Protein backbone atom coordinates (compact mmCIF):
# COMPACT_ATOMS: atom_id res chain seq x y z
CA MET A 1 3.42 -20.48 -5.17
CA ILE A 2 5.86 -18.95 -2.72
CA LYS A 3 4.35 -18.82 0.78
CA ASP A 4 6.72 -16.16 2.15
CA LYS A 5 5.03 -12.79 2.58
CA LYS A 6 8.35 -10.94 2.81
CA LYS A 7 9.50 -12.28 -0.56
CA TRP A 8 6.28 -11.05 -2.17
CA TYR A 9 6.61 -7.71 -0.35
CA ASN A 10 10.21 -7.30 -1.51
CA LEU A 11 9.19 -8.25 -5.05
CA GLY A 12 6.54 -5.52 -4.86
CA ILE A 13 9.21 -2.99 -3.93
CA LYS A 14 11.42 -4.14 -6.81
CA LEU A 15 8.58 -4.01 -9.32
CA THR A 16 7.56 -0.55 -8.11
CA ALA A 17 11.12 0.69 -8.65
CA GLU A 18 10.89 -0.70 -12.20
CA HIS A 19 7.58 1.17 -12.70
CA ARG A 20 5.75 -2.14 -13.12
CA PHE A 21 2.86 -0.96 -10.98
CA VAL A 22 0.26 -3.59 -11.94
CA ASP A 23 2.71 -6.39 -11.16
CA ALA A 24 3.77 -4.67 -7.93
CA GLN A 25 0.13 -4.44 -6.86
CA LYS A 26 -0.30 -8.17 -7.49
CA ALA A 27 2.80 -8.92 -5.40
CA TYR A 28 1.51 -6.85 -2.48
CA LEU A 29 -1.91 -8.49 -2.73
CA ILE A 30 -0.31 -11.93 -2.59
CA ALA A 31 1.69 -10.86 0.48
CA LEU A 32 -1.56 -9.69 2.05
CA SER A 33 -3.31 -12.94 1.18
CA LEU A 34 -0.63 -14.66 3.25
CA ASP A 35 -0.92 -12.19 6.13
CA ARG A 36 -3.82 -9.71 6.26
CA THR A 37 -2.06 -7.90 9.13
CA TYR A 38 1.05 -7.01 7.12
CA LYS A 39 0.93 -3.26 7.66
CA LYS A 40 3.89 -2.45 5.41
CA ALA A 41 2.21 -4.19 2.47
CA TRP A 42 -1.00 -2.23 3.12
CA ASN A 43 1.00 1.00 3.22
CA ASN A 44 2.88 0.27 0.00
CA LEU A 45 -0.33 -0.78 -1.72
CA GLY A 46 -1.77 2.58 -0.69
CA ILE A 47 1.24 4.35 -2.18
CA LEU A 48 0.71 2.51 -5.46
CA PHE A 49 -2.94 3.52 -5.52
CA TYR A 50 -2.00 7.11 -4.70
CA HIS A 51 0.41 7.35 -7.61
CA GLN A 52 -2.24 5.94 -9.93
CA GLU A 53 -4.71 8.65 -8.81
CA GLN A 54 -6.91 6.03 -7.11
CA LEU A 55 -7.26 8.11 -3.97
CA ASP A 56 -10.23 6.25 -2.44
CA GLN A 57 -8.37 2.95 -2.66
CA ALA A 58 -5.22 4.61 -1.31
CA ARG A 59 -7.13 5.93 1.71
CA ASP A 60 -8.63 2.50 2.35
CA ALA A 61 -5.20 0.84 2.26
CA PHE A 62 -3.65 3.42 4.61
CA LYS A 63 -6.62 3.09 6.98
CA GLN A 64 -6.19 -0.68 7.01
CA ALA A 65 -2.52 -0.28 7.95
CA LEU A 66 -3.60 2.05 10.77
CA ARG A 67 -6.24 -0.41 12.01
CA ILE A 68 -3.42 -2.91 12.41
CA ASP A 69 -1.08 -0.41 14.07
CA PRO A 70 -2.63 2.93 15.06
CA ALA A 71 0.86 4.30 15.81
CA TYR A 72 2.20 3.56 12.31
CA ALA A 73 3.47 7.04 11.48
CA GLU A 74 4.26 6.41 7.82
CA ALA A 75 0.71 5.26 7.04
CA ARG A 76 -0.75 8.15 9.05
CA ASN A 77 1.39 10.62 7.10
CA ASN A 78 0.45 9.03 3.77
CA LEU A 79 -3.23 9.12 4.70
CA HIS A 80 -2.94 12.83 5.53
CA ILE A 81 -1.20 13.56 2.22
CA THR A 82 -3.92 11.63 0.38
CA TYR A 83 -6.66 13.64 2.07
CA LEU A 84 -4.89 16.89 1.15
CA ARG A 85 -4.50 15.83 -2.46
CA ALA A 86 -8.15 14.78 -2.71
CA LYS A 87 -9.24 18.10 -1.24
CA HIS A 88 -6.98 20.00 -3.64
CA SER A 89 -8.38 18.03 -6.60
CA GLU A 90 -11.96 19.12 -5.86
């Protein structure tokens, strides 16, 4: 298995662009197994969950990215959007 988190992360991006969301999720999870502090992988995993209507999992992923870097604006914005969508869905 490839031990380079960035290669798995980049593969996740590629698979997402190809709408291969299950495979993209696996790629991000492998990247995170190599580095649990990889905030970009947490954020992209959250985006995948969001687009699959798994809003609780999306929130958890965005929150994890923010635990790693509280100033990570992209994750904070995505978390806010997820909260708004969940509230609108009620």
